[in-house]
Protein backbone atom coordinates (compact mmCIF):
# COMPACT_ATOMS: atom_id res chain seq x y z
CA MET A 1 -23.68 -12.42 -0.29
CA LEU A 2 -23.08 -8.66 0.08
CA ILE A 3 -22.60 -7.74 3.74
CA PRO A 4 -22.61 -4.01 4.58
CA LEU A 5 -19.95 -2.98 7.08
CA ARG A 6 -20.18 0.79 7.44
CA CYS A 7 -21.29 3.94 5.61
CA ASP A 8 -19.74 7.38 5.23
CA ALA A 9 -23.06 9.22 5.66
CA PRO A 10 -22.74 12.11 8.16
CA LEU A 11 -24.42 11.54 11.52
CA TYR A 12 -26.16 14.53 13.06
CA HIS A 13 -27.69 12.45 15.84
CA GLY A 14 -26.35 9.65 17.99
CA PRO A 15 -27.41 6.08 17.14
CA TRP A 16 -29.35 5.61 20.35
CA GLY A 17 -32.49 4.29 18.67
CA THR A 18 -30.50 1.84 16.58
CA ILE A 19 -28.56 0.60 19.60
CA GLY A 20 -31.73 0.35 21.66
CA VAL A 21 -33.53 -1.79 19.08
CA ILE A 22 -30.51 -4.08 18.76
CA ILE A 23 -30.35 -4.56 22.53
CA LEU A 24 -34.11 -5.19 22.63
CA CYS A 25 -33.87 -7.85 19.93
CA PHE A 26 -31.03 -9.65 21.71
CA LEU A 27 -32.79 -9.54 25.09
CA LEU A 28 -36.03 -10.86 23.61
CA HIS A 29 -34.18 -13.62 21.81
CA ILE A 30 -32.57 -14.71 25.07
CA ALA A 31 -35.83 -14.42 27.01
CA VAL A 32 -38.39 -15.88 24.60
CA GLY A 33 -36.77 -16.53 21.23
CA MET A 34 -35.44 -19.93 22.17
CA THR A 35 -38.63 -21.09 23.90
CA ASP A 36 -42.23 -21.82 22.97
CA ALA A 37 -43.14 -18.40 24.41
CA VAL A 38 -42.02 -16.84 21.14
CA GLU A 39 -45.29 -17.96 19.55
CA ALA A 40 -47.09 -15.14 21.40
CA TRP A 41 -44.94 -12.63 19.52
CA LEU A 42 -45.40 -13.98 15.98
CA LEU A 43 -47.48 -12.49 13.19
CA ILE A 44 -50.05 -15.25 12.76
CA TYR A 45 -51.75 -15.80 9.42
CA GLY A 46 -55.52 -16.20 9.51
CA GLU A 47 -55.80 -13.50 12.20
CA TRP A 48 -55.85 -9.71 12.16
CA ASN A 49 -54.02 -8.43 15.23
CA PRO A 50 -52.30 -5.01 15.09
CA LEU A 51 -50.11 -5.84 18.10
CA GLN A 52 -48.52 -8.64 16.10
CA TRP A 53 -47.49 -6.20 13.38
CA LEU A 54 -45.00 -4.71 15.86
CA SER A 55 -44.16 -7.64 18.14
CA SER A 56 -43.20 -9.96 15.30
CA ALA A 57 -40.53 -7.54 14.07
CA VAL A 58 -38.36 -7.80 17.19
CA VAL A 59 -38.18 -11.61 17.55
CA HIS A 60 -36.09 -13.95 15.44
CA GLU A 61 -35.91 -17.61 14.55
CA GLY A 62 -32.32 -18.26 15.60
CA TRP A 63 -28.95 -16.71 16.27
CA ILE A 64 -27.93 -16.58 12.62
CA HIS A 65 -31.22 -14.89 11.71
CA LEU A 66 -30.78 -12.40 14.54
CA ILE A 67 -27.12 -11.52 14.01
CA GLY A 68 -27.51 -11.24 10.24
CA ASN A 69 -30.41 -8.83 10.62
CA MET A 70 -28.58 -6.76 13.23
CA VAL A 71 -25.56 -6.26 10.94
CA PHE A 72 -27.77 -4.85 8.19
CA PHE A 73 -29.89 -2.90 10.67
CA TRP A 74 -26.80 -1.24 12.18
CA VAL A 75 -25.55 0.15 8.87
CA PHE A 76 -28.85 1.34 7.40
CA GLY A 77 -30.23 2.38 10.77
CA LEU A 78 -27.30 4.75 11.20
CA ILE A 79 -27.92 6.35 7.81
CA VAL A 80 -31.56 7.08 8.62
CA GLU A 81 -31.39 7.80 12.35
CA GLY A 82 -28.36 10.02 11.82
CA LYS A 83 -30.62 12.45 9.95
CA ILE A 84 -33.74 12.47 12.15
CA GLY A 85 -32.79 11.48 15.72
CA TRP A 86 -33.87 8.55 17.86
CA LEU A 87 -37.46 9.58 18.64
CA ARG A 88 -38.60 10.03 15.05
CA PHE A 89 -36.50 7.03 14.06
CA VAL A 90 -38.38 4.75 16.46
CA GLY A 91 -41.65 6.14 15.14
CA LEU A 92 -40.45 5.48 11.61
CA LEU A 93 -39.59 1.86 12.44
CA ALA A 94 -42.99 1.34 14.00
CA SER A 95 -44.69 2.84 10.94
CA ILE A 96 -42.84 0.54 8.54
CA ALA A 97 -43.54 -2.52 10.70
CA ALA A 98 -47.22 -1.63 11.11
CA LEU A 99 -47.82 -0.86 7.42
CA SER A 100 -46.06 -3.95 6.08
CA GLY A 101 -47.51 -6.15 8.82
CA CYS A 102 -51.02 -4.92 8.12
CA VAL A 103 -50.71 -5.69 4.40
CA GLU A 104 -49.14 -9.09 5.09
CA GLN A 105 -51.74 -10.20 7.61
CA THR A 106 -54.61 -8.89 5.50
CA VAL A 107 -53.41 -10.71 2.39
CA MET A 108 -52.95 -13.92 4.37
CA LEU A 109 -56.38 -13.98 6.02
CA GLY A 110 -57.73 -17.50 5.67
CA SER A 111 -54.24 -19.00 5.40
CA ASP A 112 -52.02 -20.85 7.83
CA GLY A 113 -48.52 -19.91 8.90
CA ALA A 114 -46.65 -17.13 10.64
CA SER A 115 -43.71 -14.78 10.20
CA LEU A 116 -41.16 -13.00 12.37
CA GLY A 117 -38.02 -10.90 12.10
CA LEU A 118 -36.83 -7.35 11.47
CA SER A 119 -35.76 -7.87 7.87
CA GLY A 120 -38.90 -6.30 6.40
CA VAL A 121 -38.25 -3.14 8.40
CA ILE A 122 -34.59 -3.23 7.32
CA TYR A 123 -35.63 -3.25 3.67
CA GLY A 124 -37.82 -0.27 4.44
CA LEU A 125 -34.71 1.50 5.77
CA ILE A 126 -32.77 0.49 2.64
CA ALA A 127 -35.47 2.10 0.49
CA ILE A 128 -35.36 5.27 2.60
CA ALA A 129 -31.56 5.42 2.50
CA TRP A 130 -31.79 5.07 -1.29
CA ILE A 131 -33.90 8.26 -1.35
CA TRP A 132 -32.14 10.25 1.36
CA ALA A 133 -28.47 9.40 0.76
CA PRO A 134 -28.02 7.80 -2.68
CA ASP A 135 -24.47 9.07 -3.22
CA ASN A 136 -23.03 8.03 0.12
CA GLU A 137 -20.78 4.99 0.03
CA VAL A 138 -21.05 1.73 1.96
CA ASP A 139 -18.12 -0.55 2.66
CA VAL A 140 -19.29 -4.04 1.73
CA LEU A 141 -17.86 -7.52 2.04
CA LEU A 142 -18.66 -9.84 -0.86
CA LEU A 143 -18.74 -13.49 0.23
CA PHE A 144 -18.90 -15.79 -2.74
CA LEU A 145 -16.80 -18.71 -1.57
CA PRO A 146 -14.02 -19.35 -2.24
CA PHE A 147 -13.79 -15.63 -3.09
CA ILE A 148 -13.88 -12.73 -0.65
CA ARG A 149 -13.87 -9.15 -1.87
CA HIS A 150 -14.00 -5.88 0.05
CA PHE A 151 -14.96 -2.66 -1.75
CA ASP A 152 -17.03 0.54 -1.60
CA VAL A 153 -20.37 0.92 -3.35
CA ARG A 154 -22.85 3.77 -3.42
CA VAL A 155 -26.08 3.43 -1.46
CA ARG A 156 -28.17 3.71 -4.61
CA THR A 157 -26.29 0.87 -6.30
CA LEU A 158 -26.32 -1.38 -3.24
CA GLY A 159 -30.02 -0.74 -2.67
CA LEU A 160 -30.85 -1.63 -6.26
CA ILE A 161 -28.82 -4.84 -5.96
CA TYR A 162 -30.63 -5.88 -2.79
CA ILE A 163 -34.07 -5.10 -4.22
CA ALA A 164 -33.29 -6.80 -7.54
CA LEU A 165 -32.21 -9.97 -5.75
CA GLU A 166 -35.46 -10.00 -3.76
CA VAL A 167 -37.55 -9.45 -6.91
CA LEU A 168 -35.72 -12.36 -8.53
CA GLY A 169 -36.31 -14.56 -5.49
CA ALA A 170 -39.99 -13.62 -5.39
CA ALA A 171 -40.37 -14.31 -9.11
CA VAL A 172 -38.91 -17.79 -8.68
CA ASN A 173 -41.71 -18.49 -6.17
CA SER A 174 -44.34 -16.90 -8.44
CA PHE A 175 -44.62 -14.04 -5.92
CA ALA A 176 -46.26 -16.31 -3.37
CA MET A 177 -45.87 -15.21 0.25
CA SER A 178 -42.22 -15.90 1.07
CA THR A 179 -39.15 -14.23 2.56
CA PRO A 180 -38.38 -12.19 -0.60
CA VAL A 181 -41.98 -10.97 -0.78
CA LEU A 182 -41.86 -9.94 2.89
CA HIS A 183 -38.67 -7.99 2.19
CA LEU A 184 -40.31 -6.26 -0.76
CA LEU A 185 -43.34 -5.41 1.40
CA GLY A 186 -41.00 -3.70 3.85
CA ALA A 187 -39.34 -1.74 1.05
CA ALA A 188 -42.73 -0.78 -0.36
CA ALA A 189 -43.77 0.48 3.08
CA GLY A 190 -40.57 2.46 3.71
CA LEU A 191 -40.26 4.12 0.31
CA PRO A 192 -43.38 6.32 0.45
CA ILE A 193 -42.73 7.20 4.09
CA GLY A 194 -39.23 8.37 3.20
CA ILE A 195 -40.50 10.40 0.25
CA VAL A 196 -43.25 12.06 2.29
CA MET A 197 -40.82 12.97 5.09
CA LEU A 198 -38.45 14.49 2.54
CA LYS A 199 -41.10 16.45 0.65
CA LYS A 200 -42.66 17.74 3.89
CA GLY A 201 -39.29 19.01 5.07
CA TRP A 202 -39.25 16.65 8.08
CA VAL A 203 -35.74 15.56 7.16
CA ASP A 204 -32.89 17.72 5.86
CA CYS A 205 -30.68 15.88 3.36
CA GLU A 206 -28.79 19.07 2.49
CA GLY A 207 -29.39 18.70 -1.25
CA TRP A 208 -27.91 15.18 -1.40
CA ASP A 209 -31.23 13.34 -1.69
CA TRP A 210 -32.26 11.45 -4.83
CA PHE A 211 -34.65 14.12 -6.11
CA SER A 212 -32.12 16.95 -5.72
CA ARG A 213 -29.31 14.96 -7.33
CA ARG A 214 -31.55 13.84 -10.19
CA ALA A 215 -32.54 17.46 -10.85
CA GLY A 216 -28.87 18.39 -10.93
CA ALA A 217 -29.22 20.79 -8.02
CA ALA A 218 -25.95 21.60 -6.30
CA PRO A 219 -26.02 20.90 -2.57
CA PRO A 220 -25.81 23.99 -0.38
CA PRO A 221 -22.33 24.84 0.89
CA SER A 222 -23.47 24.90 4.50
CA PRO A 223 -24.87 21.88 6.34
CA ALA A 224 -26.79 24.14 8.69
CA LYS A 225 -30.26 22.90 9.45
CA ARG A 226 -33.24 24.75 7.99
CA LEU A 227 -34.97 26.89 10.57
CA PRO A 228 -38.74 26.94 11.00
CA LYS A 229 -40.52 29.95 9.58
CA VAL A 230 -41.62 31.95 12.61
CA ALA A 231 -42.19 35.61 13.32
CA VAL A 232 -39.04 37.24 14.70
CA PRO A 233 -39.21 40.42 16.80
CA ALA A 234 -37.37 43.40 15.38
CA VAL A 235 -34.36 43.38 17.72
CA PRO A 236 -30.68 43.75 16.86
CA ALA A 237 -29.20 40.42 15.83
CA VAL A 238 -26.51 39.10 18.11
CA SER A 239 -24.48 36.22 16.76
CA GLU A 240 -21.73 34.28 18.41
CA PRO A 241 -18.42 34.71 16.59
CA PRO A 242 -17.02 31.58 14.95
CA PRO A 243 -14.47 29.69 17.04
CA ASP A 244 -10.83 30.58 16.55
CA ILE A 245 -9.61 27.15 15.49
CA ASP A 246 -6.00 28.25 15.23
CA ALA A 247 -6.00 29.63 18.77
CA LEU A 248 -7.60 26.45 20.05
CA LEU A 249 -5.01 24.34 18.24
CA ARG A 250 -2.23 26.33 19.92
CA ALA A 251 -3.81 26.32 23.38
CA GLY A 252 -5.62 23.01 23.64
CA GLY A 253 -4.37 20.94 20.72
CA SER A 254 -6.34 19.13 18.06
CA ALA A 255 -8.87 17.76 20.56
CA ALA A 256 -10.06 21.26 21.49
CA GLY A 257 -10.05 22.35 17.86
CA PHE A 258 -12.05 19.37 16.69
CA ALA A 259 -14.55 19.74 19.54
CA ALA A 260 -15.18 23.37 18.54
CA TRP A 261 -15.45 22.42 14.86
CA SER A 262 -17.96 19.66 15.71
CA ARG A 263 -20.22 22.14 17.50
CA CYS A 264 -20.41 24.68 14.68
CA SER A 265 -18.61 23.39 11.60
CA ALA A 266 -20.70 25.60 9.30
CA ASP A 267 -19.23 28.73 10.92
CA VAL A 268 -15.57 27.70 10.67
CA PRO A 269 -13.71 29.28 7.73
CA PRO A 270 -12.54 26.66 5.22
CA ALA A 271 -8.89 27.65 5.62
CA ALA A 272 -9.04 27.11 9.39
CA ALA A 273 -10.90 23.82 8.92
CA PHE A 274 -8.19 22.68 6.51
CA ARG A 275 -5.46 23.47 9.03
CA LEU A 276 -7.42 21.48 11.60
CA ALA A 277 -7.71 18.53 9.22
CA ALA A 278 -3.97 18.69 8.47
CA ARG A 279 -3.19 18.71 12.20
CA LEU A 280 -5.43 15.68 12.72
CA VAL A 281 -3.61 13.91 9.89
CA ASP A 282 -0.25 14.69 11.46
CA GLU A 283 -1.50 13.14 14.70
CA GLN A 284 -3.02 10.18 12.81
CA ARG A 285 -6.49 10.84 14.19
CA TRP A 286 -7.95 9.43 11.01
CA GLU A 287 -11.62 9.21 11.98
CA ASP A 288 -11.78 12.86 13.04
CA ALA A 289 -9.70 13.89 10.04
CA GLU A 290 -12.15 12.11 7.74
CA ALA A 291 -15.06 14.07 9.23
CA VAL A 292 -13.37 17.44 8.66
CA ALA A 293 -11.86 16.65 5.27
CA GLY A 294 -15.10 15.08 4.08
CA ARG A 295 -17.05 18.21 4.93
CA LEU A 296 -14.48 20.36 3.15
CA SER A 297 -14.50 18.25 0.00
CA ALA A 298 -18.32 18.31 -0.10
CA ALA A 299 -18.31 22.09 -0.55
CA PRO A 300 -18.50 23.55 -4.07
CA SER A 301 -15.07 23.70 -5.76
CA PRO A 302 -13.04 22.63 -2.73
CA GLY A 303 -9.74 22.71 -4.61
CA ASN A 304 -7.07 20.13 -5.32
CA THR A 305 -5.32 20.55 -1.96
CA VAL A 306 -8.48 19.54 -0.11
CA ARG A 307 -9.10 16.63 -2.51
CA LEU A 308 -5.59 15.30 -1.97
CA LEU A 309 -5.83 15.54 1.80
CA HIS A 310 -9.22 13.85 1.82
CA ALA A 311 -7.97 11.09 -0.49
CA TRP A 312 -5.01 10.38 1.79
CA VAL A 313 -7.28 10.20 4.84
CA LEU A 314 -9.62 7.82 3.00
CA VAL A 315 -6.69 5.56 2.18
CA GLN A 316 -5.74 5.45 5.84
CA ARG A 317 -9.36 4.63 6.70
CA ASP A 318 -9.21 1.59 4.37
CA ARG A 319 -11.53 3.19 1.84
CA PRO A 320 -9.35 3.05 -1.27
CA GLY A 321 -12.28 3.21 -3.70
CA ALA A 322 -13.49 6.49 -2.20
CA ALA A 323 -9.91 7.81 -2.28
CA LEU A 324 -9.63 7.07 -5.99
CA ASP A 325 -12.95 8.85 -6.55
CA GLN A 326 -11.49 11.97 -4.90
CA LEU A 327 -8.37 11.80 -7.08
CA ALA A 328 -10.54 11.57 -10.19
CA LEU A 329 -12.03 14.98 -9.28
CA LEU A 330 -8.71 16.85 -9.38
CA VAL A 331 -8.81 19.80 -11.78
CA ASN A 332 -5.67 20.73 -13.77
CA PRO A 333 -3.25 19.58 -11.05
CA THR A 334 0.17 21.17 -10.87
CA PRO A 335 3.21 18.89 -11.25
CA ALA A 336 3.58 18.78 -7.47
CA GLU A 337 -0.09 17.91 -7.02
CA ALA A 338 0.12 15.28 -9.76
CA GLY A 339 3.08 13.70 -7.98
CA LYS A 340 1.18 13.53 -4.71
CA ALA A 341 -1.84 12.13 -6.51
CA GLU A 342 0.24 9.35 -8.09
CA TYR A 343 1.65 8.41 -4.70
CA ILE A 344 -1.80 8.32 -3.10
CA ARG A 345 -3.22 6.42 -6.09
CA ALA A 346 -0.50 3.77 -5.81
CA GLU A 347 -1.16 3.37 -2.08
CA ALA A 348 -4.91 3.18 -2.69
CA GLU A 349 -4.45 0.49 -5.32
CA ARG A 350 -2.18 -1.43 -2.95
CA ARG A 351 -4.73 -1.19 -0.13
CA ARG A 352 -7.54 -2.26 -2.46
CA ALA A 353 -5.54 -5.29 -3.55
CA ALA A 354 -4.80 -6.16 0.07
CA LEU A 355 -8.46 -5.86 1.03
CA SER A 356 -9.55 -8.17 -1.80
CA TYR A 357 -8.19 -11.65 -1.58
CA GLU A 358 -8.98 -15.22 -2.51
CA LEU A 359 -9.20 -18.03 0.02
CA ALA A 360 -6.80 -20.89 -0.60
């Protein structure tokens, strides 16, 4: 079993929709999930009821079913909601649930049975994440008793693994209606929605989406959001000067500097951002340092100094695989840089060995 733990995809919106759905699912499970009242929420075969397409997605069969789904939903929900915000995210969830539920209930007219659970919607999110953020990395825990392994894997690889396993499971059952088929229905519902949103410009993946990467297009150096095309009156442009990170570091410390960088990171000169990242490293504020160093290393030709700093931060964040990836991108390192790289590589290998262990 491959359990996702977290992803390094940048979040431009808070996870309020994801948290809200998780709370809703837990409250409903406590209120109706453990009673006969849950039957009113199920997607019933032999009927055609649009309300059931939505209601059945937020109830679960038991605690294991619920908690397992919420773990997956948290990781992939963050990837998607982080790009579009809670309102559109909730609408997206409803669209996936309605589309897959409609197909499922239509196909099963004249049959007996029922279904419930959010896993179909989660597979829709997996398909969307595969399109929107294929090169981001997910920390996963591999449980194959007695073995436990912890490592990083790209979204595109993890998504393909999940989908391939469901196709295999569906094939074993001759593609009869079953849990794997329901998961594939969710993925089939989410994939076109994600593609349409991307092509229509309703989501900005900053050149890191599957189509841009496949075409070999370099992502833009600035993560600034695209502005709508509107008529602008001919008035002198007045722009706010970029924050003086160095002055903020002297006056208010790294907290003030990071707060200013978070508000307008695209306007901060790379040199100032690097000094901020180095200060955060000195203070062992690893999560904030990862945000700044990650943005710097995503720019075109960031340089070996940035790569080394980012790799060290990734090691401290228990992401040794990602750190080794950064070291592999060093270009003609100087002897001093090569020495630092060897030290970081040794620490990354040690951390990776410590994170992968075998149960006695």
